[in-house]
């Protein structure tokens, strides 16, 4: 005898199934604390939604480079990604404030700005018409120059060097003002390009030396600290629209809490990466006088449009606490 499931029970089953969602999340190769923060985000999403929403990761560039993954989120083939704020400049001009050189006084200033919703929410929403928005940020450290042959101790040391930069118009312009030849390329190509002499150097945080093993092919790291560009956690508009109001709230809160977690593990991980690069790869670290570097790139601020100049003013006003 066939047992009939009562219609009310069937309706509940179907409603539950309809609410179950998997967010497809792709990202490129990343520092350990950032990977841990993204995993924390996934755990928090599942916890806060009672298992209704889960996150499926596609790590380490399985789906392509950062630009390709942003475009996949735009088209709905991917639900989420985490990319450099510098890359996003080519999608929304306001993100061009982050590659501006010597914008932040220090890490504390950076955190004050990034945690300020009045500054960041309009930036996160600037890509809404393109099919995605920002949820939160992760610290990606200070970007510094590293080179294969001689250290960068003065602006003159950069002249004529081919330096890999982010695929960002502002990063390209900064490098030109410093006298180097900027080469915009994806992270996956940098090691071989340094090894073969296609590049003379690059600029990134300390994790590039160890995770990407750039310390094997570049031996001088100069702490000029020209930029602090956040990583931005993105979600597609189509993905958010699939979620219920409660699920959207849970995802948003999980993102913010994952940033709080990231802050607790970031500094120790940076120190460990620098120690590993020195002890295991023979990397030499240098501390140039950055005043001449600041002076050399000052004209880039005169080239800002009114909108980005106003955001820069907001950011600078948050410094000096």
C-alpha atoms as a PDB file:
ATOM      1  CA  UNK A   1       0.000   0.000   0.000  1.00  0.00           C
ATOM      2  CA  UNK A   2       1.442   3.359  -1.032  1.00  0.00           C
ATOM      3  CA  UNK A   3       1.692   5.906   1.746  1.00  0.00           C
ATOM      4  CA  UNK A   4       0.696   9.426   0.770  1.00  0.00           C
ATOM      5  CA  UNK A   5       2.670  12.311   2.160  1.00  0.00           C
ATOM      6  CA  UNK A   6       0.306  14.969   3.515  1.00  0.00           C
ATOM      7  CA  UNK A   7       0.261  18.096   1.324  1.00  0.00           C
ATOM      8  CA  UNK A   8       1.385  20.338   4.189  1.00  0.00           C
ATOM      9  CA  UNK A   9       4.423  18.141   4.818  1.00  0.00           C
ATOM     10  CA  UNK A  10       5.219  18.043   1.103  1.00  0.00           C
ATOM     11  CA  UNK A  11       5.011  21.822   0.938  1.00  0.00           C
ATOM     12  CA  UNK A  12       7.481  22.140   3.794  1.00  0.00           C
ATOM     13  CA  UNK A  13       9.922  19.766   2.083  1.00  0.00           C
ATOM     14  CA  UNK A  14       9.711  21.696  -1.183  1.00  0.00           C
ATOM     15  CA  UNK A  15      10.087  25.044   0.575  1.00  0.00           C
ATOM     16  CA  UNK A  16      13.187  23.812   2.396  1.00  0.00           C
ATOM     17  CA  UNK A  17      14.697  22.512  -0.834  1.00  0.00           C
ATOM     18  CA  UNK A  18      13.966  25.800  -2.557  1.00  0.00           C
ATOM     19  CA  UNK A  19      15.808  27.714   0.136  1.00  0.00           C
ATOM     20  CA  UNK A  20      18.952  25.559   0.037  1.00  0.00           C
ATOM     21  CA  UNK A  21      21.686  27.388  -1.842  1.00  0.00           C
ATOM     22  CA  UNK A  22      25.329  26.743  -2.699  1.00  0.00           C
ATOM     23  CA  UNK A  23      27.484  29.800  -3.363  1.00  0.00           C
ATOM     24  CA  UNK A  24      30.236  29.020  -5.877  1.00  0.00           C
ATOM     25  CA  UNK A  25      33.353  30.929  -4.744  1.00  0.00           C
ATOM     26  CA  UNK A  26      36.493  31.110  -6.883  1.00  0.00           C
ATOM     27  CA  UNK A  27      39.769  32.749  -5.930  1.00  0.00           C
ATOM     28  CA  UNK A  28      43.397  32.936  -6.989  1.00  0.00           C
ATOM     29  CA  UNK A  29      46.434  31.849  -4.983  1.00  0.00           C
ATOM     30  CA  UNK A  30      46.438  33.634  -1.623  1.00  0.00           C
ATOM     31  CA  UNK A  31      48.285  34.053   1.630  1.00  0.00           C
ATOM     32  CA  UNK A  32      47.364  31.551   4.344  1.00  0.00           C
ATOM     33  CA  UNK A  33      45.544  34.047   6.621  1.00  0.00           C
ATOM     34  CA  UNK A  34      43.346  35.171   3.730  1.00  0.00           C
ATOM     35  CA  UNK A  35      42.484  31.595   2.821  1.00  0.00           C
ATOM     36  CA  UNK A  36      41.666  30.977   6.486  1.00  0.00           C
ATOM     37  CA  UNK A  37      39.416  34.059   6.522  1.00  0.00           C
ATOM     38  CA  UNK A  38      37.518  32.884   3.446  1.00  0.00           C
ATOM     39  CA  UNK A  39      37.067  29.465   5.041  1.00  0.00           C
ATOM     40  CA  UNK A  40      35.859  31.221   8.191  1.00  0.00           C
ATOM     41  CA  UNK A  41      33.339  33.098   6.063  1.00  0.00           C
ATOM     42  CA  UNK A  42      32.034  29.811   4.652  1.00  0.00           C
ATOM     43  CA  UNK A  43      31.710  28.266   8.118  1.00  0.00           C
ATOM     44  CA  UNK A  44      29.892  31.332   9.435  1.00  0.00           C
ATOM     45  CA  UNK A  45      27.479  31.358   6.492  1.00  0.00           C
ATOM     46  CA  UNK A  46      26.549  27.732   7.086  1.00  0.00           C
ATOM     47  CA  UNK A  47      26.200  28.323  10.827  1.00  0.00           C
ATOM     48  CA  UNK A  48      24.120  31.486  10.522  1.00  0.00           C
ATOM     49  CA  UNK A  49      21.749  29.970   7.935  1.00  0.00           C
ATOM     50  CA  UNK A  50      21.342  26.641   9.696  1.00  0.00           C
ATOM     51  CA  UNK A  51      22.911  24.885   6.744  1.00  0.00           C
ATOM     52  CA  UNK A  52      20.539  26.432   4.192  1.00  0.00           C
ATOM     53  CA  UNK A  53      23.444  28.196   2.449  1.00  0.00           C
ATOM     54  CA  UNK A  54      26.835  26.600   1.890  1.00  0.00           C
ATOM     55  CA  UNK A  55      29.966  27.764   0.063  1.00  0.00           C
ATOM     56  CA  UNK A  56      31.804  25.691  -2.534  1.00  0.00           C
ATOM     57  CA  UNK A  57      35.368  26.839  -3.185  1.00  0.00           C
ATOM     58  CA  UNK A  58      37.324  26.762  -6.436  1.00  0.00           C
ATOM     59  CA  UNK A  59      40.775  27.793  -5.154  1.00  0.00           C
ATOM     60  CA  UNK A  60      44.189  28.706  -6.539  1.00  0.00           C
ATOM     61  CA  UNK A  61      43.105  30.026  -9.917  1.00  0.00           C
ATOM     62  CA  UNK A  62      41.323  26.857 -11.034  1.00  0.00           C
ATOM     63  CA  UNK A  63      38.847  29.021 -12.922  1.00  0.00           C
ATOM     64  CA  UNK A  64      41.343  31.551 -14.258  1.00  0.00           C
ATOM     65  CA  UNK A  65      42.865  34.829 -13.134  1.00  0.00           C
ATOM     66  CA  UNK A  66      41.200  37.474 -11.022  1.00  0.00           C
ATOM     67  CA  UNK A  67      39.829  39.419 -13.983  1.00  0.00           C
ATOM     68  CA  UNK A  68      38.338  36.280 -15.477  1.00  0.00           C
ATOM     69  CA  UNK A  69      36.636  35.418 -12.197  1.00  0.00           C
ATOM     70  CA  UNK A  70      35.138  38.899 -11.831  1.00  0.00           C
ATOM     71  CA  UNK A  71      33.742  38.532 -15.337  1.00  0.00           C
ATOM     72  CA  UNK A  72      32.358  35.108 -14.406  1.00  0.00           C
ATOM     73  CA  UNK A  73      30.589  36.666 -11.416  1.00  0.00           C
ATOM     74  CA  UNK A  74      29.186  39.340 -13.733  1.00  0.00           C
ATOM     75  CA  UNK A  75      27.819  36.664 -16.045  1.00  0.00           C
ATOM     76  CA  UNK A  76      26.450  34.471 -13.250  1.00  0.00           C
ATOM     77  CA  UNK A  77      28.783  31.533 -13.927  1.00  0.00           C
ATOM     78  CA  UNK A  78      30.342  32.160 -10.496  1.00  0.00           C
ATOM     79  CA  UNK A  79      28.650  33.553  -7.401  1.00  0.00           C
ATOM     80  CA  UNK A  80      31.576  35.002  -5.450  1.00  0.00           C
ATOM     81  CA  UNK A  81      35.238  35.847  -5.721  1.00  0.00           C
ATOM     82  CA  UNK A  82      37.947  37.719  -3.831  1.00  0.00           C
ATOM     83  CA  UNK A  83      40.201  40.019  -5.850  1.00  0.00           C
ATOM     84  CA  UNK A  84      42.554  42.940  -5.442  1.00  0.00           C
ATOM     85  CA  UNK A  85      40.896  46.332  -5.156  1.00  0.00           C
ATOM     86  CA  UNK A  86      43.422  47.543  -7.716  1.00  0.00           C
ATOM     87  CA  UNK A  87      42.002  45.249 -10.378  1.00  0.00           C
ATOM     88  CA  UNK A  88      38.514  46.633  -9.770  1.00  0.00           C
ATOM     89  CA  UNK A  89      39.594  50.080 -10.934  1.00  0.00           C
ATOM     90  CA  UNK A  90      38.960  48.955 -14.514  1.00  0.00           C
ATOM     91  CA  UNK A  91      35.371  48.067 -13.546  1.00  0.00           C
ATOM     92  CA  UNK A  92      34.576  51.116 -11.389  1.00  0.00           C
ATOM     93  CA  UNK A  93      36.902  54.165 -11.421  1.00  0.00           C
ATOM     94  CA  UNK A  94      36.405  54.861  -7.698  1.00  0.00           C
ATOM     95  CA  UNK A  95      38.515  51.794  -6.865  1.00  0.00           C
ATOM     96  CA  UNK A  96      41.394  53.766  -8.392  1.00  0.00           C
ATOM     97  CA  UNK A  97      41.868  55.518  -5.058  1.00  0.00           C
ATOM     98  CA  UNK A  98      43.381  52.390  -3.491  1.00  0.00           C
ATOM     99  CA  UNK A  99      46.446  52.082  -5.762  1.00  0.00           C
ATOM    100  CA  UNK A 100      47.250  55.749  -5.074  1.00  0.00           C
ATOM    101  CA  UNK A 101      50.795  55.803  -3.665  1.00  0.00           C
ATOM    102  CA  UNK A 102      51.401  56.645  -0.010  1.00  0.00           C
ATOM    103  CA  UNK A 103      47.680  57.171   0.592  1.00  0.00           C
ATOM    104  CA  UNK A 104      47.632  55.553   4.047  1.00  0.00           C
ATOM    105  CA  UNK A 105      49.866  56.595   6.937  1.00  0.00           C
ATOM    106  CA  UNK A 106      50.088  53.070   8.326  1.00  0.00           C
ATOM    107  CA  UNK A 107      48.050  49.928   8.948  1.00  0.00           C
ATOM    108  CA  UNK A 108      45.948  51.520  11.700  1.00  0.00           C
ATOM    109  CA  UNK A 109      44.926  54.300   9.317  1.00  0.00           C
ATOM    110  CA  UNK A 110      44.092  51.674   6.692  1.00  0.00           C
ATOM    111  CA  UNK A 111      41.812  49.785   9.107  1.00  0.00           C
ATOM    112  CA  UNK A 112      40.028  52.978  10.205  1.00  0.00           C
ATOM    113  CA  UNK A 113      39.183  53.799   6.610  1.00  0.00           C
ATOM    114  CA  UNK A 114      38.176  50.300   5.560  1.00  0.00           C
ATOM    115  CA  UNK A 115      35.907  49.896   8.609  1.00  0.00           C
ATOM    116  CA  UNK A 116      34.167  53.221   7.918  1.00  0.00           C
ATOM    117  CA  UNK A 117      30.867  52.449   6.188  1.00  0.00           C
ATOM    118  CA  UNK A 118      30.430  56.075   5.138  1.00  0.00           C
ATOM    119  CA  UNK A 119      33.557  55.732   2.980  1.00  0.00           C
ATOM    120  CA  UNK A 120      33.320  52.114   1.900  1.00  0.00           C
ATOM    121  CA  UNK A 121      29.645  51.408   1.256  1.00  0.00           C
ATOM    122  CA  UNK A 122      29.432  53.717  -1.786  1.00  0.00           C
ATOM    123  CA  UNK A 123      32.578  52.054  -3.123  1.00  0.00           C
ATOM    124  CA  UNK A 124      31.187  48.552  -2.593  1.00  0.00           C
ATOM    125  CA  UNK A 125      27.972  49.583  -4.376  1.00  0.00           C
ATOM    126  CA  UNK A 126      29.756  51.303  -7.273  1.00  0.00           C
ATOM    127  CA  UNK A 127      29.634  48.101  -9.334  1.00  0.00           C
ATOM    128  CA  UNK A 128      25.986  47.267  -8.650  1.00  0.00           C
ATOM    129  CA  UNK A 129      24.980  48.148 -12.208  1.00  0.00           C
ATOM    130  CA  UNK A 130      27.652  45.715 -13.445  1.00  0.00           C
ATOM    131  CA  UNK A 131      26.128  42.748 -11.651  1.00  0.00           C
ATOM    132  CA  UNK A 132      28.188  42.509  -8.459  1.00  0.00           C
ATOM    133  CA  UNK A 133      28.960  44.357  -5.227  1.00  0.00           C
ATOM    134  CA  UNK A 134      31.503  44.266  -2.434  1.00  0.00           C
ATOM    135  CA  UNK A 135      30.740  42.600   0.886  1.00  0.00           C
ATOM    136  CA  UNK A 136      33.903  43.276   2.884  1.00  0.00           C
ATOM    137  CA  UNK A 137      37.668  43.591   2.614  1.00  0.00           C
ATOM    138  CA  UNK A 138      40.796  41.772   3.702  1.00  0.00           C
ATOM    139  CA  UNK A 139      44.144  43.362   4.439  1.00  0.00           C
ATOM    140  CA  UNK A 140      46.690  42.531   1.755  1.00  0.00           C
ATOM    141  CA  UNK A 141      49.561  44.332   3.435  1.00  0.00           C
ATOM    142  CA  UNK A 142      51.882  46.996   2.138  1.00  0.00           C
ATOM    143  CA  UNK A 143      53.155  46.534  -1.392  1.00  0.00           C
ATOM    144  CA  UNK A 144      56.905  46.961  -1.812  1.00  0.00           C
ATOM    145  CA  UNK A 145      59.342  46.644  -4.703  1.00  0.00           C
ATOM    146  CA  UNK A 146      61.510  43.561  -5.046  1.00  0.00           C
ATOM    147  CA  UNK A 147      64.144  43.024  -7.699  1.00  0.00           C
ATOM    148  CA  UNK A 148      66.364  40.296  -9.046  1.00  0.00           C
ATOM    149  CA  UNK A 149      69.766  42.029  -9.167  1.00  0.00           C
ATOM    150  CA  UNK A 150      70.175  45.235  -7.167  1.00  0.00           C
ATOM    151  CA  UNK A 151      68.078  46.704  -4.347  1.00  0.00           C
ATOM    152  CA  UNK A 152      65.820  49.704  -4.799  1.00  0.00           C
ATOM    153  CA  UNK A 153      67.261  52.230  -2.351  1.00  0.00           C
ATOM    154  CA  UNK A 154      66.499  55.390  -4.340  1.00  0.00           C
ATOM    155  CA  UNK A 155      64.100  56.454  -7.086  1.00  0.00           C
ATOM    156  CA  UNK A 156      67.010  56.366  -9.521  1.00  0.00           C
ATOM    157  CA  UNK A 157      67.404  52.633  -8.909  1.00  0.00           C
ATOM    158  CA  UNK A 158      64.076  52.007 -10.633  1.00  0.00           C
ATOM    159  CA  UNK A 159      64.896  53.842 -13.830  1.00  0.00           C
ATOM    160  CA  UNK A 160      64.741  51.560 -16.839  1.00  0.00           C
ATOM    161  CA  UNK A 161      63.679  48.498 -14.856  1.00  0.00           C
ATOM    162  CA  UNK A 162      60.781  46.383 -16.095  1.00  0.00           C
ATOM    163  CA  UNK A 163      58.499  46.006 -13.065  1.00  0.00           C
ATOM    164  CA  UNK A 164      55.385  43.846 -12.884  1.00  0.00           C
ATOM    165  CA  UNK A 165      52.412  45.778 -11.559  1.00  0.00           C
ATOM    166  CA  UNK A 166      48.721  45.117 -11.006  1.00  0.00           C
ATOM    167  CA  UNK A 167      46.389  45.440 -13.970  1.00  0.00           C
ATOM    168  CA  UNK A 168      45.488  48.901 -12.711  1.00  0.00           C
ATOM    169  CA  UNK A 169      45.860  52.213 -14.582  1.00  0.00           C
ATOM    170  CA  UNK A 170      46.873  53.956 -11.356  1.00  0.00           C
ATOM    171  CA  UNK A 171      49.570  51.375 -10.546  1.00  0.00           C
ATOM    172  CA  UNK A 172      50.886  51.741 -14.088  1.00  0.00           C
ATOM    173  CA  UNK A 173      50.997  55.537 -13.829  1.00  0.00           C
ATOM    174  CA  UNK A 174      52.744  55.422 -10.431  1.00  0.00           C
ATOM    175  CA  UNK A 175      55.453  53.154 -11.797  1.00  0.00           C
ATOM    176  CA  UNK A 176      55.975  55.425 -14.795  1.00  0.00           C
ATOM    177  CA  UNK A 177      56.414  58.444 -12.498  1.00  0.00           C
ATOM    178  CA  UNK A 178      59.122  56.503 -10.633  1.00  0.00           C
ATOM    179  CA  UNK A 179      60.983  55.983 -13.907  1.00  0.00           C
ATOM    180  CA  UNK A 180      60.403  52.254 -14.324  1.00  0.00           C
ATOM    181  CA  UNK A 181      58.634  50.444 -17.154  1.00  0.00           C
ATOM    182  CA  UNK A 182      55.376  48.955 -15.810  1.00  0.00           C
ATOM    183  CA  UNK A 183      54.375  45.516 -17.065  1.00  0.00           C
ATOM    184  CA  UNK A 184      50.792  44.599 -16.160  1.00  0.00           C
ATOM    185  CA  UNK A 185      50.346  40.847 -15.954  1.00  0.00           C
ATOM    186  CA  UNK A 186      48.664  38.170 -13.897  1.00  0.00           C
ATOM    187  CA  UNK A 187      50.385  36.784 -10.802  1.00  0.00           C
ATOM    188  CA  UNK A 188      50.791  33.331 -12.344  1.00  0.00           C
ATOM    189  CA  UNK A 189      53.197  34.673 -14.970  1.00  0.00           C
ATOM    190  CA  UNK A 190      55.540  36.569 -12.668  1.00  0.00           C
ATOM    191  CA  UNK A 191      57.860  33.771 -11.481  1.00  0.00           C
ATOM    192  CA  UNK A 192      58.824  32.642 -14.979  1.00  0.00           C
ATOM    193  CA  UNK A 193      59.140  36.232 -16.199  1.00  0.00           C
ATOM    194  CA  UNK A 194      61.571  37.048 -13.365  1.00  0.00           C
ATOM    195  CA  UNK A 195      63.478  33.824 -13.954  1.00  0.00           C
ATOM    196  CA  UNK A 196      63.875  34.496 -17.676  1.00  0.00           C
ATOM    197  CA  UNK A 197      64.715  38.186 -17.323  1.00  0.00           C
ATOM    198  CA  UNK A 198      61.502  39.372 -18.944  1.00  0.00           C
ATOM    199  CA  UNK A 199      60.993  41.266 -15.687  1.00  0.00           C
ATOM    200  CA  UNK A 200      63.612  42.955 -13.503  1.00  0.00           C
ATOM    201  CA  UNK A 201      61.311  43.031 -10.515  1.00  0.00           C
ATOM    202  CA  UNK A 202      57.795  43.243  -9.162  1.00  0.00           C
ATOM    203  CA  UNK A 203      55.873  44.773  -6.274  1.00  0.00           C
ATOM    204  CA  UNK A 204      53.780  42.923  -3.738  1.00  0.00           C
ATOM    205  CA  UNK A 205      53.600  41.943  -0.080  1.00  0.00           C
ATOM    206  CA  UNK A 206      55.879  39.439   1.637  1.00  0.00           C
ATOM    207  CA  UNK A 207      53.676  36.453   0.835  1.00  0.00           C
ATOM    208  CA  UNK A 208      54.582  36.668  -2.844  1.00  0.00           C
ATOM    209  CA  UNK A 209      58.133  35.785  -1.805  1.00  0.00           C
ATOM    210  CA  UNK A 210      57.122  32.516  -0.181  1.00  0.00           C
ATOM    211  CA  UNK A 211      53.768  31.301  -1.489  1.00  0.00           C
ATOM    212  CA  UNK A 212      54.600  32.183  -5.100  1.00  0.00           C
ATOM    213  CA  UNK A 213      58.308  31.479  -4.384  1.00  0.00           C
ATOM    214  CA  UNK A 214      59.440  34.739  -5.970  1.00  0.00           C
ATOM    215  CA  UNK A 215      62.306  34.823  -3.464  1.00  0.00           C
ATOM    216  CA  UNK A 216      63.920  32.094  -5.564  1.00  0.00           C
ATOM    217  CA  UNK A 217      64.278  34.474  -8.505  1.00  0.00           C
ATOM    218  CA  UNK A 218      64.413  37.925  -6.853  1.00  0.00           C
ATOM    219  CA  UNK A 219      66.742  38.529  -3.916  1.00  0.00           C
ATOM    220  CA  UNK A 220      66.194  42.165  -2.878  1.00  0.00           C
ATOM    221  CA  UNK A 221      63.054  43.404  -1.117  1.00  0.00           C
ATOM    222  CA  UNK A 222      62.826  47.158  -0.425  1.00  0.00           C
ATOM    223  CA  UNK A 223      60.340  48.442   2.143  1.00  0.00           C
ATOM    224  CA  UNK A 224      59.120  51.556   0.352  1.00  0.00           C
ATOM    225  CA  UNK A 225      55.502  50.714   1.225  1.00  0.00           C
ATOM    226  CA  UNK A 226      54.052  52.569  -1.738  1.00  0.00           C
ATOM    227  CA  UNK A 227      50.534  51.174  -1.491  1.00  0.00           C
ATOM    228  CA  UNK A 228      48.111  49.328   0.777  1.00  0.00           C
ATOM    229  CA  UNK A 229      45.519  47.906  -1.584  1.00  0.00           C
ATOM    230  CA  UNK A 230      42.693  45.943   0.047  1.00  0.00           C
ATOM    231  CA  UNK A 231      41.398  42.658  -1.230  1.00  0.00           C
ATOM    232  CA  UNK A 232      37.661  42.890  -1.858  1.00  0.00           C
ATOM    233  CA  UNK A 233      35.162  40.077  -1.311  1.00  0.00           C
ATOM    234  CA  UNK A 234      32.595  40.245  -4.134  1.00  0.00           C
ATOM    235  CA  UNK A 235      29.199  38.652  -4.618  1.00  0.00           C
ATOM    236  CA  UNK A 236      27.076  38.607  -7.742  1.00  0.00           C
ATOM    237  CA  UNK A 237      23.760  40.396  -7.795  1.00  0.00           C
ATOM    238  CA  UNK A 238      22.134  37.250  -9.203  1.00  0.00           C
ATOM    239  CA  UNK A 239      23.482  35.224  -6.275  1.00  0.00           C
ATOM    240  CA  UNK A 240      22.144  37.692  -3.707  1.00  0.00           C
ATOM    241  CA  UNK A 241      18.782  37.734  -5.463  1.00  0.00           C
ATOM    242  CA  UNK A 242      18.510  33.948  -5.044  1.00  0.00           C
ATOM    243  CA  UNK A 243      18.776  34.277  -1.265  1.00  0.00           C
ATOM    244  CA  UNK A 244      16.025  35.100   1.184  1.00  0.00           C
ATOM    245  CA  UNK A 245      16.237  38.305   3.191  1.00  0.00           C
ATOM    246  CA  UNK A 246      17.464  36.394   6.250  1.00  0.00           C
ATOM    247  CA  UNK A 247      20.061  34.536   4.189  1.00  0.00           C
ATOM    248  CA  UNK A 248      21.349  37.792   2.670  1.00  0.00           C
ATOM    249  CA  UNK A 249      21.692  39.238   6.144  1.00  0.00           C
ATOM    250  CA  UNK A 250      23.585  36.151   7.314  1.00  0.00           C
ATOM    251  CA  UNK A 251      25.991  36.277   4.357  1.00  0.00           C
ATOM    252  CA  UNK A 252      26.646  39.975   4.902  1.00  0.00           C
ATOM    253  CA  UNK A 253      27.304  39.537   8.630  1.00  0.00           C
ATOM    254  CA  UNK A 254      29.505  36.482   8.022  1.00  0.00           C
ATOM    255  CA  UNK A 255      31.635  38.545   5.650  1.00  0.00           C
ATOM    256  CA  UNK A 256      32.217  41.280   8.246  1.00  0.00           C
ATOM    257  CA  UNK A 257      33.063  38.720  10.942  1.00  0.00           C
ATOM    258  CA  UNK A 258      35.527  37.000   8.618  1.00  0.00           C
ATOM    259  CA  UNK A 259      37.353  40.329   8.278  1.00  0.00           C
ATOM    260  CA  UNK A 260      37.532  40.616  12.074  1.00  0.00           C
ATOM    261  CA  UNK A 261      39.048  37.131  12.156  1.00  0.00           C
ATOM    262  CA  UNK A 262      41.541  38.029   9.423  1.00  0.00           C
ATOM    263  CA  UNK A 263      42.891  40.914  11.507  1.00  0.00           C
ATOM    264  CA  UNK A 264      43.758  38.526  14.349  1.00  0.00           C
ATOM    265  CA  UNK A 265      46.027  36.328  12.213  1.00  0.00           C
ATOM    266  CA  UNK A 266      47.477  38.719   9.628  1.00  0.00           C
ATOM    267  CA  UNK A 267      50.453  40.329  11.413  1.00  0.00           C
ATOM    268  CA  UNK A 268      52.007  37.121  12.716  1.00  0.00           C
ATOM    269  CA  UNK A 269      51.691  35.548   9.282  1.00  0.00           C
ATOM    270  CA  UNK A 270      53.466  38.500   7.607  1.00  0.00           C
ATOM    271  CA  UNK A 271      56.340  38.260  10.061  1.00  0.00           C
ATOM    272  CA  UNK A 272      56.606  34.509   9.491  1.00  0.00           C
ATOM    273  CA  UNK A 273      56.679  34.977   5.701  1.00  0.00           C
ATOM    274  CA  UNK A 274      59.494  37.525   5.921  1.00  0.00           C
ATOM    275  CA  UNK A 275      61.502  35.223   8.196  1.00  0.00           C
ATOM    276  CA  UNK A 276      60.996  32.296   5.835  1.00  0.00           C
ATOM    277  CA  UNK A 277      62.056  34.366   2.814  1.00  0.00           C
ATOM    278  CA  UNK A 278      65.241  35.415   4.604  1.00  0.00           C
ATOM    279  CA  UNK A 279      66.181  32.094   6.186  1.00  0.00           C
ATOM    280  CA  UNK A 280      65.102  29.660   3.467  1.00  0.00           C
ATOM    281  CA  UNK A 281      65.589  31.682   0.290  1.00  0.00           C
ATOM    282  CA  UNK A 282      68.328  34.170   1.180  1.00  0.00           C
ATOM    283  CA  UNK A 283      66.160  37.230   0.546  1.00  0.00           C
ATOM    284  CA  UNK A 284      67.778  40.517   1.587  1.00  0.00           C
ATOM    285  CA  UNK A 285      65.529  43.210   3.057  1.00  0.00           C
ATOM    286  CA  UNK A 286      66.235  46.915   2.651  1.00  0.00           C
ATOM    287  CA  UNK A 287      64.770  50.123   4.107  1.00  0.00           C
ATOM    288  CA  UNK A 288      65.049  53.089   1.705  1.00  0.00           C
ATOM    289  CA  UNK A 289      64.205  56.697   2.541  1.00  0.00           C
ATOM    290  CA  UNK A 290      60.701  57.027   1.119  1.00  0.00           C
ATOM    291  CA  UNK A 291      60.531  60.853   1.033  1.00  0.00           C
ATOM    292  CA  UNK A 292      61.969  61.068  -2.522  1.00  0.00           C
ATOM    293  CA  UNK A 293      59.530  58.375  -3.663  1.00  0.00           C
ATOM    294  CA  UNK A 294      56.600  60.377  -2.282  1.00  0.00           C
ATOM    295  CA  UNK A 295      57.836  63.470  -4.068  1.00  0.00           C
ATOM    296  CA  UNK A 296      58.262  61.661  -7.384  1.00  0.00           C
ATOM    297  CA  UNK A 297      54.683  60.374  -7.442  1.00  0.00           C
ATOM    298  CA  UNK A 298      52.989  63.525  -6.118  1.00  0.00           C
ATOM    299  CA  UNK A 299      51.770  64.603  -9.600  1.00  0.00           C
ATOM    300  CA  UNK A 300      49.440  61.602  -9.713  1.00  0.00           C
ATOM    301  CA  UNK A 301      47.185  63.299  -7.154  1.00  0.00           C
ATOM    302  CA  UNK A 302      46.780  66.312  -9.439  1.00  0.00           C
ATOM    303  CA  UNK A 303      45.414  63.966 -12.117  1.00  0.00           C
ATOM    304  CA  UNK A 304      42.466  62.731 -10.013  1.00  0.00           C
ATOM    305  CA  UNK A 305      38.941  63.565 -11.085  1.00  0.00           C
ATOM    306  CA  UNK A 306      36.688  65.391  -8.631  1.00  0.00           C
ATOM    307  CA  UNK A 307      34.947  62.224  -7.412  1.00  0.00           C
ATOM    308  CA  UNK A 308      38.121  60.335  -6.525  1.00  0.00           C
ATOM    309  CA  UNK A 309      39.763  63.481  -5.131  1.00  0.00           C
ATOM    310  CA  UNK A 310      36.847  63.762  -2.688  1.00  0.00           C
ATOM    311  CA  UNK A 311      37.294  60.123  -1.608  1.00  0.00           C
ATOM    312  CA  UNK A 312      41.022  60.704  -1.109  1.00  0.00           C
ATOM    313  CA  UNK A 313      40.174  63.696   1.096  1.00  0.00           C
ATOM    314  CA  UNK A 314      37.890  61.460   3.191  1.00  0.00           C
ATOM    315  CA  UNK A 315      40.641  58.863   3.534  1.00  0.00           C
ATOM    316  CA  UNK A 316      43.275  61.382   4.539  1.00  0.00           C
ATOM    317  CA  UNK A 317      40.938  62.995   7.043  1.00  0.00           C
ATOM    318  CA  UNK A 318      40.720  59.613   8.815  1.00  0.00           C
ATOM    319  CA  UNK A 319      44.462  59.543   9.423  1.00  0.00           C
ATOM    320  CA  UNK A 320      46.469  60.872  12.335  1.00  0.00           C
ATOM    321  CA  UNK A 321      44.274  59.494  15.125  1.00  0.00           C
END
